[in-house]
Amino acid sequence: MTWVASASAVLRAGALPVLVDVDPETGCIDARAAEQAVTSATRAVIVVHLACTVADLDALLAIATRFDLAVVEDCAQAHGAEWRNRQVGTLGDFGAFSFQSGKVLAAGEGGAVTTSSPSAFRTLQQLRADGRTYADDVAPGSMELVVDGTVMGANHCMPEVLAAVALDRLAQLEAQHDRRTTQADELERRLAAEALGIRGLSSHACVTRRSIYELALRVDVDAIGVPVDTLATALTAELERPVYPPHDPLHRSPYFSPSTRPRFRNQWTKDGAMRSVGRSFPGADAYRRSTLLTHHAALLGGEDDIDDFVHAFQKVLANVVALRNTSGVEGRAVSYS
């Protein structure tokens, strides 16, 4: 359960992304599935913190230590989230953040990588700037980058205008986190009280602060009898703001199609494809089947917005029989990924 870049970045590095299942409750990587997938060829584990929660870092870091694996935290949807009072992106070997326009810290595009390793930091600088690193001292009018050349890189430098936008947004982030959390807590409380068959996502006890990129709501689809796609369409129409199911899991996503790129043929052989996706992923399928999402912008308003959400759920579920008759309607409304 992730955007395709988590896997395509691995392919571009010349390695094979081996997909593993997720915890169906959180949508985050299942530590047991990850451990079962480790072989002598495994070099790293990418941990995606999804939507509004954090993966089980204690278990995953223990596995990484046991098998001598690097840990890359994909924090594109988790700016400011905390595990045991420590910010995500600082527990693994690397943290990767996105500043794409829909994120909680948005600059339009670009991102950041964090590491506590001085040698990795130097390598990352070169990968970012055509084999160059930051100069120790920069004279007025001089370039701030100097040739290193230990590693050949590419030009992935973030434009200064976007960096300025990100810095301005950073000053607002704490207050927005607090607002989103307050609104989400209230919506989840009221939905639970209404007993509509829809509840908030359960987070691990070690998540001491969540960052809400998308508020995930779990739906008892068997009891309600209507697919989440149909519910999403009806709720979007009622609220006039997007409510949507997750993207399809990568093992059946049209975005993840390595066979269409000749540069990946050395990794994406018949054997490679089988190792990558050649198994069932019941946790991911269950999460996709029973989850509704709404973008974090929906949580930055006032208490009236929570009233609107609750009333919309009440109205839609009161008309569930009519919805069953339209359950063939395609329901993915809008994606902010």
C-alpha atoms as a PDB file:
ATOM      1  CA  MET A   1       0.000   0.000   0.000  1.00  0.00           C
ATOM      2  CA  THR A   2       2.083   2.876  -1.320  1.00  0.00           C
ATOM      3  CA  TRP A   3       2.614   5.163  -4.241  1.00  0.00           C
ATOM      4  CA  VAL A   4       4.542   3.544  -7.089  1.00  0.00           C
ATOM      5  CA  ALA A   5       7.694   5.631  -6.456  1.00  0.00           C
ATOM      6  CA  SER A   6       8.542   3.497  -3.422  1.00  0.00           C
ATOM      7  CA  ALA A   7       9.125   0.578  -5.789  1.00  0.00           C
ATOM      8  CA  SER A   8      10.274   2.342  -8.963  1.00  0.00           C
ATOM      9  CA  ALA A   9      13.107   4.046  -7.063  1.00  0.00           C
ATOM     10  CA  VAL A  10      14.447   0.587  -6.230  1.00  0.00           C
ATOM     11  CA  LEU A  11      14.314  -0.452  -9.884  1.00  0.00           C
ATOM     12  CA  ARG A  12      16.125   2.736 -10.939  1.00  0.00           C
ATOM     13  CA  ALA A  13      18.883   1.849  -8.469  1.00  0.00           C
ATOM     14  CA  GLY A  14      19.359  -1.471 -10.285  1.00  0.00           C
ATOM     15  CA  ALA A  15      17.762  -3.592  -7.555  1.00  0.00           C
ATOM     16  CA  LEU A  16      14.563  -5.611  -7.289  1.00  0.00           C
ATOM     17  CA  PRO A  17      11.669  -4.358  -5.143  1.00  0.00           C
ATOM     18  CA  VAL A  18      10.169  -7.344  -3.321  1.00  0.00           C
ATOM     19  CA  LEU A  19       6.646  -6.435  -2.280  1.00  0.00           C
ATOM     20  CA  VAL A  20       5.348  -7.763   1.030  1.00  0.00           C
ATOM     21  CA  ASP A  21       1.956  -7.644   2.668  1.00  0.00           C
ATOM     22  CA  VAL A  22       0.647  -5.037   5.094  1.00  0.00           C
ATOM     23  CA  ASP A  23      -1.207  -5.071   8.362  1.00  0.00           C
ATOM     24  CA  PRO A  24      -4.843  -4.883   7.183  1.00  0.00           C
ATOM     25  CA  GLU A  25      -5.701  -2.584  10.082  1.00  0.00           C
ATOM     26  CA  THR A  26      -3.104   0.113   9.367  1.00  0.00           C
ATOM     27  CA  GLY A  27      -2.079  -0.440   5.742  1.00  0.00           C
ATOM     28  CA  CYS A  28       1.581  -0.307   6.858  1.00  0.00           C
ATOM     29  CA  ILE A  29       4.133  -3.029   6.179  1.00  0.00           C
ATOM     30  CA  ASP A  30       3.635  -6.225   8.201  1.00  0.00           C
ATOM     31  CA  ALA A  31       6.875  -7.004  10.068  1.00  0.00           C
ATOM     32  CA  ARG A  32       6.232 -10.753   9.926  1.00  0.00           C
ATOM     33  CA  ALA A  33       5.748 -10.645   6.168  1.00  0.00           C
ATOM     34  CA  ALA A  34       8.915  -8.574   5.821  1.00  0.00           C
ATOM     35  CA  GLU A  35      10.944 -11.068   7.839  1.00  0.00           C
ATOM     36  CA  GLN A  36       9.668 -13.987   5.772  1.00  0.00           C
ATOM     37  CA  ALA A  37      10.738 -12.223   2.574  1.00  0.00           C
ATOM     38  CA  VAL A  38      14.383 -11.688   3.640  1.00  0.00           C
ATOM     39  CA  THR A  39      16.960 -13.677   1.651  1.00  0.00           C
ATOM     40  CA  SER A  40      20.728 -13.530   1.264  1.00  0.00           C
ATOM     41  CA  ALA A  41      20.151 -10.989  -1.520  1.00  0.00           C
ATOM     42  CA  THR A  42      18.151  -8.567   0.637  1.00  0.00           C
ATOM     43  CA  ARG A  43      19.912  -5.271   1.348  1.00  0.00           C
ATOM     44  CA  ALA A  44      17.272  -2.936   2.756  1.00  0.00           C
ATOM     45  CA  VAL A  45      13.693  -2.574   3.883  1.00  0.00           C
ATOM     46  CA  ILE A  46      11.566   0.397   2.853  1.00  0.00           C
ATOM     47  CA  VAL A  47       9.091   1.272   5.594  1.00  0.00           C
ATOM     48  CA  VAL A  48       6.126   3.317   4.373  1.00  0.00           C
ATOM     49  CA  HIS A  49       4.286   5.319   7.027  1.00  0.00           C
ATOM     50  CA  LEU A  50       0.844   5.511   5.496  1.00  0.00           C
ATOM     51  CA  ALA A  51      -2.012   8.054   5.573  1.00  0.00           C
ATOM     52  CA  CYS A  52      -2.223   8.897   9.286  1.00  0.00           C
ATOM     53  CA  THR A  53      -0.205   6.309  11.151  1.00  0.00           C
ATOM     54  CA  VAL A  54       3.266   4.792  11.545  1.00  0.00           C
ATOM     55  CA  ALA A  55       4.543   1.303  10.772  1.00  0.00           C
ATOM     56  CA  ASP A  56       5.732  -0.952  13.617  1.00  0.00           C
ATOM     57  CA  LEU A  57       9.256   0.447  13.808  1.00  0.00           C
ATOM     58  CA  ASP A  58      10.310  -1.574  16.858  1.00  0.00           C
ATOM     59  CA  ALA A  59       9.716  -4.859  15.057  1.00  0.00           C
ATOM     60  CA  LEU A  60      11.104  -3.681  11.718  1.00  0.00           C
ATOM     61  CA  LEU A  61      14.279  -2.195  13.200  1.00  0.00           C
ATOM     62  CA  ALA A  62      14.858  -5.430  15.127  1.00  0.00           C
ATOM     63  CA  ILE A  63      14.576  -7.423  11.884  1.00  0.00           C
ATOM     64  CA  ALA A  64      16.953  -5.034  10.145  1.00  0.00           C
ATOM     65  CA  THR A  65      19.514  -5.403  12.919  1.00  0.00           C
ATOM     66  CA  ARG A  66      19.246  -9.193  12.877  1.00  0.00           C
ATOM     67  CA  PHE A  67      19.791  -9.419   9.111  1.00  0.00           C
ATOM     68  CA  ASP A  68      22.115  -6.399   8.752  1.00  0.00           C
ATOM     69  CA  LEU A  69      19.710  -4.454   6.533  1.00  0.00           C
ATOM     70  CA  ALA A  70      19.454  -0.733   5.938  1.00  0.00           C
ATOM     71  CA  VAL A  71      16.131   0.874   6.830  1.00  0.00           C
ATOM     72  CA  VAL A  72      14.661   3.565   4.599  1.00  0.00           C
ATOM     73  CA  GLU A  73      11.654   5.319   6.116  1.00  0.00           C
ATOM     74  CA  ASP A  74       9.255   6.622   3.477  1.00  0.00           C
ATOM     75  CA  CYS A  75       7.807   9.601   5.366  1.00  0.00           C
ATOM     76  CA  ALA A  76       6.124  11.299   2.409  1.00  0.00           C
ATOM     77  CA  GLN A  77       2.807  11.078   4.281  1.00  0.00           C
ATOM     78  CA  ALA A  78       4.156  11.442   7.818  1.00  0.00           C
ATOM     79  CA  HIS A  79       5.868  14.807   8.359  1.00  0.00           C
ATOM     80  CA  GLY A  80       6.105  15.305  12.123  1.00  0.00           C
ATOM     81  CA  ALA A  81       4.698  11.927  13.148  1.00  0.00           C
ATOM     82  CA  GLU A  82       6.397  10.380  16.180  1.00  0.00           C
ATOM     83  CA  TRP A  83       7.230   6.886  17.356  1.00  0.00           C
ATOM     84  CA  ARG A  84       7.996   6.734  21.077  1.00  0.00           C
ATOM     85  CA  ASN A  85       8.291  10.549  21.071  1.00  0.00           C
ATOM     86  CA  ARG A  86      10.897  10.481  18.306  1.00  0.00           C
ATOM     87  CA  GLN A  87      10.134  11.887  14.878  1.00  0.00           C
ATOM     88  CA  VAL A  88       9.861   9.416  12.024  1.00  0.00           C
ATOM     89  CA  GLY A  89      12.640   9.711   9.494  1.00  0.00           C
ATOM     90  CA  THR A  90      15.219   9.680  12.305  1.00  0.00           C
ATOM     91  CA  LEU A  91      14.915   6.067  13.440  1.00  0.00           C
ATOM     92  CA  GLY A  92      16.070   4.296  10.284  1.00  0.00           C
ATOM     93  CA  ASP A  93      19.235   4.840   8.269  1.00  0.00           C
ATOM     94  CA  PHE A  94      17.432   7.252   5.965  1.00  0.00           C
ATOM     95  CA  GLY A  95      14.185   9.192   5.939  1.00  0.00           C
ATOM     96  CA  ALA A  96      12.570  10.399   2.714  1.00  0.00           C
ATOM     97  CA  PHE A  97      10.046  13.256   2.698  1.00  0.00           C
ATOM     98  CA  SER A  98       7.915  14.720  -0.077  1.00  0.00           C
ATOM     99  CA  PHE A  99       6.927  18.371  -0.484  1.00  0.00           C
ATOM    100  CA  GLN A 100       4.509  17.677  -3.354  1.00  0.00           C
ATOM    101  CA  SER A 101       1.528  20.018  -3.470  1.00  0.00           C
ATOM    102  CA  GLY A 102      -0.866  17.765  -1.567  1.00  0.00           C
ATOM    103  CA  LYS A 103       1.389  16.996   1.393  1.00  0.00           C
ATOM    104  CA  VAL A 104       1.041  18.471   4.888  1.00  0.00           C
ATOM    105  CA  LEU A 105       4.310  20.323   4.262  1.00  0.00           C
ATOM    106  CA  ALA A 106       3.910  21.410   0.659  1.00  0.00           C
ATOM    107  CA  ALA A 107       6.168  23.432  -1.607  1.00  0.00           C
ATOM    108  CA  GLY A 108       4.700  22.368  -4.941  1.00  0.00           C
ATOM    109  CA  GLU A 109       7.336  19.708  -5.600  1.00  0.00           C
ATOM    110  CA  GLY A 110      10.645  18.431  -4.266  1.00  0.00           C
ATOM    111  CA  GLY A 111      11.570  16.670  -1.070  1.00  0.00           C
ATOM    112  CA  ALA A 112      14.233  15.948   1.509  1.00  0.00           C
ATOM    113  CA  VAL A 113      16.357  13.042   2.701  1.00  0.00           C
ATOM    114  CA  THR A 114      17.550  12.706   6.284  1.00  0.00           C
ATOM    115  CA  THR A 115      20.405  10.614   7.664  1.00  0.00           C
ATOM    116  CA  SER A 116      22.636  10.564  10.728  1.00  0.00           C
ATOM    117  CA  SER A 117      25.582   9.104   8.784  1.00  0.00           C
ATOM    118  CA  PRO A 118      28.261  11.651   7.726  1.00  0.00           C
ATOM    119  CA  SER A 119      29.474   9.413   4.898  1.00  0.00           C
ATOM    120  CA  ALA A 120      25.950   8.805   3.609  1.00  0.00           C
ATOM    121  CA  PHE A 121      25.280  12.548   3.813  1.00  0.00           C
ATOM    122  CA  ARG A 122      28.271  13.204   1.556  1.00  0.00           C
ATOM    123  CA  THR A 123      27.111  10.564  -0.905  1.00  0.00           C
ATOM    124  CA  LEU A 124      23.586  11.971  -0.916  1.00  0.00           C
ATOM    125  CA  GLN A 125      24.900  15.432  -1.723  1.00  0.00           C
ATOM    126  CA  GLN A 126      26.718  14.052  -4.757  1.00  0.00           C
ATOM    127  CA  LEU A 127      23.722  12.043  -5.938  1.00  0.00           C
ATOM    128  CA  ARG A 128      21.688  15.242  -5.716  1.00  0.00           C
ATOM    129  CA  ALA A 129      24.079  17.617  -7.469  1.00  0.00           C
ATOM    130  CA  ASP A 130      26.039  15.887 -10.244  1.00  0.00           C
ATOM    131  CA  GLY A 131      28.829  14.607  -8.016  1.00  0.00           C
ATOM    132  CA  ARG A 132      29.234  17.873  -6.098  1.00  0.00           C
ATOM    133  CA  THR A 133      29.062  18.624  -2.382  1.00  0.00           C
ATOM    134  CA  TYR A 134      28.522  21.758  -0.336  1.00  0.00           C
ATOM    135  CA  ALA A 135      31.611  23.896   0.112  1.00  0.00           C
ATOM    136  CA  ASP A 136      32.822  24.475   3.670  1.00  0.00           C
ATOM    137  CA  ASP A 137      33.183  28.192   2.984  1.00  0.00           C
ATOM    138  CA  VAL A 138      31.460  30.139   0.238  1.00  0.00           C
ATOM    139  CA  ALA A 139      32.907  33.472  -0.851  1.00  0.00           C
ATOM    140  CA  PRO A 140      30.399  36.120  -1.981  1.00  0.00           C
ATOM    141  CA  GLY A 141      29.443  35.500  -5.594  1.00  0.00           C
ATOM    142  CA  SER A 142      30.940  31.995  -5.628  1.00  0.00           C
ATOM    143  CA  MET A 143      29.220  28.675  -6.249  1.00  0.00           C
ATOM    144  CA  GLU A 144      28.137  26.902  -3.065  1.00  0.00           C
ATOM    145  CA  LEU A 145      28.891  23.522  -4.669  1.00  0.00           C
ATOM    146  CA  VAL A 146      32.346  22.073  -5.236  1.00  0.00           C
ATOM    147  CA  VAL A 147      33.400  19.035  -7.243  1.00  0.00           C
ATOM    148  CA  ASP A 148      33.842  15.823  -5.270  1.00  0.00           C
ATOM    149  CA  GLY A 149      33.227  13.112  -7.864  1.00  0.00           C
ATOM    150  CA  THR A 150      33.407  10.133  -5.524  1.00  0.00           C
ATOM    151  CA  VAL A 151      29.929   9.252  -6.769  1.00  0.00           C
ATOM    152  CA  MET A 152      28.432  10.299 -10.092  1.00  0.00           C
ATOM    153  CA  GLY A 153      25.079  11.914  -9.434  1.00  0.00           C
ATOM    154  CA  ALA A 154      22.357  13.748 -11.306  1.00  0.00           C
ATOM    155  CA  ASN A 155      20.640  17.104 -10.946  1.00  0.00           C
ATOM    156  CA  HIS A 156      17.981  16.678  -8.293  1.00  0.00           C
ATOM    157  CA  CYS A 157      18.496  20.079  -6.691  1.00  0.00           C
ATOM    158  CA  MET A 158      15.362  21.674  -5.274  1.00  0.00           C
ATOM    159  CA  PRO A 159      14.800  25.196  -6.660  1.00  0.00           C
ATOM    160  CA  GLU A 160      15.322  27.943  -4.108  1.00  0.00           C
ATOM    161  CA  VAL A 161      11.848  29.381  -4.725  1.00  0.00           C
ATOM    162  CA  LEU A 162      10.257  26.068  -3.695  1.00  0.00           C
ATOM    163  CA  ALA A 163      12.582  25.845  -0.691  1.00  0.00           C
ATOM    164  CA  ALA A 164      11.429  29.317   0.382  1.00  0.00           C
ATOM    165  CA  VAL A 165       7.795  28.202   0.112  1.00  0.00           C
ATOM    166  CA  ALA A 166       8.573  25.110   2.220  1.00  0.00           C
ATOM    167  CA  LEU A 167      10.273  27.200   4.897  1.00  0.00           C
ATOM    168  CA  ASP A 168       7.264  29.509   5.088  1.00  0.00           C
ATOM    169  CA  ARG A 169       4.931  26.526   5.375  1.00  0.00           C
ATOM    170  CA  LEU A 170       7.164  24.927   8.001  1.00  0.00           C
ATOM    171  CA  ALA A 171       6.386  27.778  10.380  1.00  0.00           C
ATOM    172  CA  GLN A 172       2.681  26.917  10.119  1.00  0.00           C
ATOM    173  CA  LEU A 173       3.050  23.147  10.417  1.00  0.00           C
ATOM    174  CA  GLU A 174       2.792  22.713  14.188  1.00  0.00           C
ATOM    175  CA  ALA A 175      -0.447  24.672  14.487  1.00  0.00           C
ATOM    176  CA  GLN A 176      -1.912  22.795  11.516  1.00  0.00           C
ATOM    177  CA  HIS A 177      -0.921  19.450  13.048  1.00  0.00           C
ATOM    178  CA  ASP A 178      -2.736  20.384  16.232  1.00  0.00           C
ATOM    179  CA  ARG A 179      -5.829  21.520  14.346  1.00  0.00           C
ATOM    180  CA  ARG A 180      -6.017  18.397  12.200  1.00  0.00           C
ATOM    181  CA  THR A 181      -5.562  16.126  15.207  1.00  0.00           C
ATOM    182  CA  THR A 182      -8.297  17.892  17.175  1.00  0.00           C
ATOM    183  CA  GLN A 183     -10.721  17.670  14.256  1.00  0.00           C
ATOM    184  CA  ALA A 184      -9.873  14.049  13.506  1.00  0.00           C
ATOM    185  CA  ASP A 185     -10.264  13.004  17.141  1.00  0.00           C
ATOM    186  CA  GLU A 186     -13.693  14.630  17.291  1.00  0.00           C
ATOM    187  CA  LEU A 187     -14.864  13.085  14.006  1.00  0.00           C
ATOM    188  CA  GLU A 188     -13.713   9.625  15.064  1.00  0.00           C
ATOM    189  CA  ARG A 189     -15.400  10.023  18.472  1.00  0.00           C
ATOM    190  CA  ARG A 190     -18.701  11.038  16.930  1.00  0.00           C
ATOM    191  CA  LEU A 191     -18.649   8.301  14.283  1.00  0.00           C
ATOM    192  CA  ALA A 192     -18.014   5.729  17.002  1.00  0.00           C
ATOM    193  CA  ALA A 193     -20.922   7.120  19.043  1.00  0.00           C
ATOM    194  CA  GLU A 194     -23.236   6.929  16.032  1.00  0.00           C
ATOM    195  CA  ALA A 195     -22.417   3.199  15.574  1.00  0.00           C
ATOM    196  CA  LEU A 196     -22.641   3.514  11.794  1.00  0.00           C
ATOM    197  CA  GLY A 197     -20.173   0.739  11.056  1.00  0.00           C
ATOM    198  CA  ILE A 198     -17.420   3.278  10.370  1.00  0.00           C
ATOM    199  CA  ARG A 199     -14.582   3.974  12.782  1.00  0.00           C
ATOM    200  CA  GLY A 200     -11.169   5.551  12.976  1.00  0.00           C
ATOM    201  CA  LEU A 201      -7.941   3.749  12.138  1.00  0.00           C
ATOM    202  CA  SER A 202      -6.268   1.900  15.016  1.00  0.00           C
ATOM    203  CA  SER A 203      -2.660   3.027  15.507  1.00  0.00           C
ATOM    204  CA  HIS A 204       0.115   1.158  17.291  1.00  0.00           C
ATOM    205  CA  ALA A 205       0.461   2.101  20.970  1.00  0.00           C
ATOM    206  CA  CYS A 206       3.974   3.447  20.281  1.00  0.00           C
ATOM    207  CA  VAL A 207       2.643   6.134  17.916  1.00  0.00           C
ATOM    208  CA  THR A 208       2.933   9.120  20.230  1.00  0.00           C
ATOM    209  CA  ARG A 209       1.963  11.617  17.558  1.00  0.00           C
ATOM    210  CA  ARG A 210       0.239  11.064  14.268  1.00  0.00           C
ATOM    211  CA  SER A 211       0.563  13.221  11.207  1.00  0.00           C
ATOM    212  CA  ILE A 212      -2.629  13.213   9.182  1.00  0.00           C
ATOM    213  CA  TYR A 213      -1.963  13.366   5.465  1.00  0.00           C
ATOM    214  CA  GLU A 214      -5.163  11.460   4.741  1.00  0.00           C
ATOM    215  CA  LEU A 215      -7.629  10.588   7.472  1.00  0.00           C
ATOM    216  CA  ALA A 216      -8.309   6.870   7.115  1.00  0.00           C
ATOM    217  CA  LEU A 217     -11.679   5.513   8.222  1.00  0.00           C
ATOM    218  CA  ARG A 218     -12.364   1.782   8.465  1.00  0.00           C
ATOM    219  CA  VAL A 219     -15.664   0.547   7.046  1.00  0.00           C
ATOM    220  CA  ASP A 220     -17.527  -2.619   8.038  1.00  0.00           C
ATOM    221  CA  VAL A 221     -18.381  -3.356   4.419  1.00  0.00           C
ATOM    222  CA  ASP A 222     -19.872  -6.760   5.195  1.00  0.00           C
ATOM    223  CA  ALA A 223     -22.372  -5.287   7.645  1.00  0.00           C
ATOM    224  CA  ILE A 224     -23.179  -2.261   5.487  1.00  0.00           C
ATOM    225  CA  GLY A 225     -23.319  -4.263   2.275  1.00  0.00           C
ATOM    226  CA  VAL A 226     -21.989  -1.518   0.010  1.00  0.00           C
ATOM    227  CA  PRO A 227     -18.467  -1.293  -1.516  1.00  0.00           C
ATOM    228  CA  VAL A 228     -16.276   1.555  -0.338  1.00  0.00           C
ATOM    229  CA  ASP A 229     -16.091   2.855  -3.908  1.00  0.00           C
ATOM    230  CA  THR A 230     -19.843   3.400  -3.918  1.00  0.00           C
ATOM    231  CA  LEU A 231     -19.804   4.956  -0.460  1.00  0.00           C
ATOM    232  CA  ALA A 232     -17.000   7.273  -1.586  1.00  0.00           C
ATOM    233  CA  THR A 233     -18.994   8.479  -4.577  1.00  0.00           C
ATOM    234  CA  ALA A 234     -22.074   9.175  -2.453  1.00  0.00           C
ATOM    235  CA  LEU A 235     -20.124  10.917   0.322  1.00  0.00           C
ATOM    236  CA  THR A 236     -18.231  13.053  -2.181  1.00  0.00           C
ATOM    237  CA  ALA A 237     -21.508  14.175  -3.739  1.00  0.00           C
ATOM    238  CA  GLU A 238     -23.026  14.913  -0.331  1.00  0.00           C
ATOM    239  CA  LEU A 239     -20.024  16.797   1.079  1.00  0.00           C
ATOM    240  CA  GLU A 240     -18.852  18.408  -2.168  1.00  0.00           C
ATOM    241  CA  ARG A 241     -15.326  17.483  -1.155  1.00  0.00           C
ATOM    242  CA  PRO A 242     -13.399  14.328  -2.066  1.00  0.00           C
ATOM    243  CA  VAL A 243     -13.801  11.113  -0.098  1.00  0.00           C
ATOM    244  CA  TYR A 244     -12.121   8.150  -1.773  1.00  0.00           C
ATOM    245  CA  PRO A 245     -10.793   4.629  -1.282  1.00  0.00           C
ATOM    246  CA  PRO A 246      -7.043   3.944  -1.312  1.00  0.00           C
ATOM    247  CA  HIS A 247      -5.184   3.309  -4.535  1.00  0.00           C
ATOM    248  CA  ASP A 248      -5.054  -0.331  -5.534  1.00  0.00           C
ATOM    249  CA  PRO A 249      -2.185  -2.206  -3.874  1.00  0.00           C
ATOM    250  CA  LEU A 250       0.972  -2.204  -5.985  1.00  0.00           C
ATOM    251  CA  HIS A 251       0.691  -5.888  -6.887  1.00  0.00           C
ATOM    252  CA  ARG A 252      -2.349  -5.037  -9.009  1.00  0.00           C
ATOM    253  CA  SER A 253      -1.773  -1.360  -9.709  1.00  0.00           C
ATOM    254  CA  PRO A 254      -1.497  -0.094 -13.312  1.00  0.00           C
ATOM    255  CA  TYR A 255       1.163   2.353 -12.076  1.00  0.00           C
ATOM    256  CA  PHE A 256       3.561  -0.497 -11.277  1.00  0.00           C
ATOM    257  CA  SER A 257       4.420  -1.948 -14.693  1.00  0.00           C
ATOM    258  CA  PRO A 258       8.206  -2.539 -14.900  1.00  0.00           C
ATOM    259  CA  SER A 259       7.820  -4.662 -18.040  1.00  0.00           C
ATOM    260  CA  THR A 260       6.999  -1.471 -19.975  1.00  0.00           C
ATOM    261  CA  ARG A 261      10.495  -0.056 -19.363  1.00  0.00           C
ATOM    262  CA  PRO A 262      13.423  -1.671 -21.230  1.00  0.00           C
ATOM    263  CA  ARG A 263      15.913  -0.290 -18.677  1.00  0.00           C
ATOM    264  CA  PHE A 264      14.407  -2.588 -16.026  1.00  0.00           C
ATOM    265  CA  ARG A 265      14.661  -5.835 -17.983  1.00  0.00           C
ATOM    266  CA  ASN A 266      17.738  -7.028 -16.060  1.00  0.00           C
ATOM    267  CA  GLN A 267      15.779  -6.951 -12.802  1.00  0.00           C
ATOM    268  CA  TRP A 268      12.286  -7.602 -14.113  1.00  0.00           C
ATOM    269  CA  THR A 269      12.913 -11.069 -15.498  1.00  0.00           C
ATOM    270  CA  LYS A 270      10.332 -13.820 -15.147  1.00  0.00           C
ATOM    271  CA  ASP A 271      12.064 -14.938 -11.960  1.00  0.00           C
ATOM    272  CA  GLY A 272      12.377 -11.358 -10.703  1.00  0.00           C
ATOM    273  CA  ALA A 273       8.693 -10.647 -11.262  1.00  0.00           C
ATOM    274  CA  MET A 274       7.776 -13.827  -9.402  1.00  0.00           C
ATOM    275  CA  ARG A 275      10.004 -12.877  -6.462  1.00  0.00           C
ATOM    276  CA  SER A 276       8.546  -9.371  -6.421  1.00  0.00           C
ATOM    277  CA  VAL A 277       4.813  -9.959  -6.706  1.00  0.00           C
ATOM    278  CA  GLY A 278       4.372 -13.718  -7.014  1.00  0.00           C
ATOM    279  CA  ARG A 279       2.301 -14.257  -3.897  1.00  0.00           C
ATOM    280  CA  SER A 280      -1.023 -13.214  -2.422  1.00  0.00           C
ATOM    281  CA  PHE A 281      -1.408 -10.025  -0.412  1.00  0.00           C
ATOM    282  CA  PRO A 282      -4.592 -10.519   1.636  1.00  0.00           C
ATOM    283  CA  GLY A 283      -3.765  -7.731   4.096  1.00  0.00           C
ATOM    284  CA  ALA A 284      -3.391  -5.147   1.347  1.00  0.00           C
ATOM    285  CA  ASP A 285      -6.531  -6.342  -0.407  1.00  0.00           C
ATOM    286  CA  ALA A 286      -8.482  -6.189   2.870  1.00  0.00           C
ATOM    287  CA  TYR A 287      -7.235  -2.663   3.602  1.00  0.00           C
ATOM    288  CA  ARG A 288      -8.210  -1.502   0.110  1.00  0.00           C
ATOM    289  CA  ARG A 289     -11.624  -3.120   0.452  1.00  0.00           C
ATOM    290  CA  SER A 290     -12.504  -1.558   3.797  1.00  0.00           C
ATOM    291  CA  THR A 291     -10.948   1.912   3.941  1.00  0.00           C
ATOM    292  CA  LEU A 292     -12.128   5.405   3.091  1.00  0.00           C
ATOM    293  CA  LEU A 293      -9.785   8.390   2.930  1.00  0.00           C
ATOM    294  CA  THR A 294     -10.167  12.136   2.948  1.00  0.00           C
ATOM    295  CA  HIS A 295      -7.421  14.678   2.427  1.00  0.00           C
ATOM    296  CA  HIS A 296      -5.992  16.576   5.390  1.00  0.00           C
ATOM    297  CA  ALA A 297      -7.347  19.887   4.072  1.00  0.00           C
ATOM    298  CA  ALA A 298     -10.789  18.705   5.208  1.00  0.00           C
ATOM    299  CA  LEU A 299      -9.573  18.892   8.812  1.00  0.00           C
ATOM    300  CA  LEU A 300      -8.353  22.478   8.831  1.00  0.00           C
ATOM    301  CA  GLY A 301     -11.771  24.085   9.203  1.00  0.00           C
ATOM    302  CA  GLY A 302     -14.157  24.515  12.105  1.00  0.00           C
ATOM    303  CA  GLU A 303     -16.528  22.370  14.129  1.00  0.00           C
ATOM    304  CA  ASP A 304     -19.225  22.854  11.492  1.00  0.00           C
ATOM    305  CA  ASP A 305     -17.120  20.767   9.120  1.00  0.00           C
ATOM    306  CA  ILE A 306     -17.257  17.823  11.525  1.00  0.00           C
ATOM    307  CA  ASP A 307     -21.025  18.242  11.742  1.00  0.00           C
ATOM    308  CA  ASP A 308     -21.156  18.085   7.936  1.00  0.00           C
ATOM    309  CA  PHE A 309     -19.134  14.874   7.864  1.00  0.00           C
ATOM    310  CA  VAL A 310     -21.283  13.148  10.460  1.00  0.00           C
ATOM    311  CA  HIS A 311     -24.519  14.232   8.778  1.00  0.00           C
ATOM    312  CA  ALA A 312     -23.215  13.055   5.407  1.00  0.00           C
ATOM    313  CA  PHE A 313     -22.396   9.611   6.785  1.00  0.00           C
ATOM    314  CA  GLN A 314     -25.803   9.431   8.451  1.00  0.00           C
ATOM    315  CA  LYS A 315     -27.629  10.377   5.257  1.00  0.00           C
ATOM    316  CA  VAL A 316     -25.631   8.093   2.977  1.00  0.00           C
ATOM    317  CA  LEU A 317     -25.972   5.078   5.263  1.00  0.00           C
ATOM    318  CA  ALA A 318     -29.683   5.761   5.732  1.00  0.00           C
ATOM    319  CA  ASN A 319     -30.007   5.240   1.978  1.00  0.00           C
ATOM    320  CA  VAL A 320     -27.899   2.115   1.844  1.00  0.00           C
ATOM    321  CA  VAL A 321     -30.540   0.088  -0.026  1.00  0.00           C
ATOM    322  CA  ALA A 322     -30.507   2.577  -2.879  1.00  0.00           C
ATOM    323  CA  LEU A 323     -26.717   2.534  -2.836  1.00  0.00           C
ATOM    324  CA  ARG A 324     -26.679  -1.248  -3.203  1.00  0.00           C
ATOM    325  CA  ASN A 325     -28.525  -0.816  -6.475  1.00  0.00           C
ATOM    326  CA  THR A 326     -25.785   1.488  -7.773  1.00  0.00           C
ATOM    327  CA  SER A 327     -22.794  -0.416  -6.401  1.00  0.00           C
ATOM    328  CA  GLY A 328     -21.438  -1.011  -9.882  1.00  0.00           C
ATOM    329  CA  VAL A 329     -20.623   2.696 -10.235  1.00  0.00           C
ATOM    330  CA  GLU A 330     -16.892   3.460 -10.299  1.00  0.00           C
ATOM    331  CA  GLY A 331     -16.152   5.348  -7.126  1.00  0.00           C
ATOM    332  CA  ARG A 332     -12.610   6.656  -6.941  1.00  0.00           C
ATOM    333  CA  ALA A 333     -13.271  10.374  -6.787  1.00  0.00           C
ATOM    334  CA  VAL A 334     -10.019  12.295  -6.410  1.00  0.00           C
ATOM    335  CA  SER A 335      -6.505  11.318  -5.385  1.00  0.00           C
ATOM    336  CA  TYR A 336      -4.066  13.642  -3.669  1.00  0.00           C
ATOM    337  CA  SER A 337      -1.116  11.235  -3.781  1.00  0.00           C
END
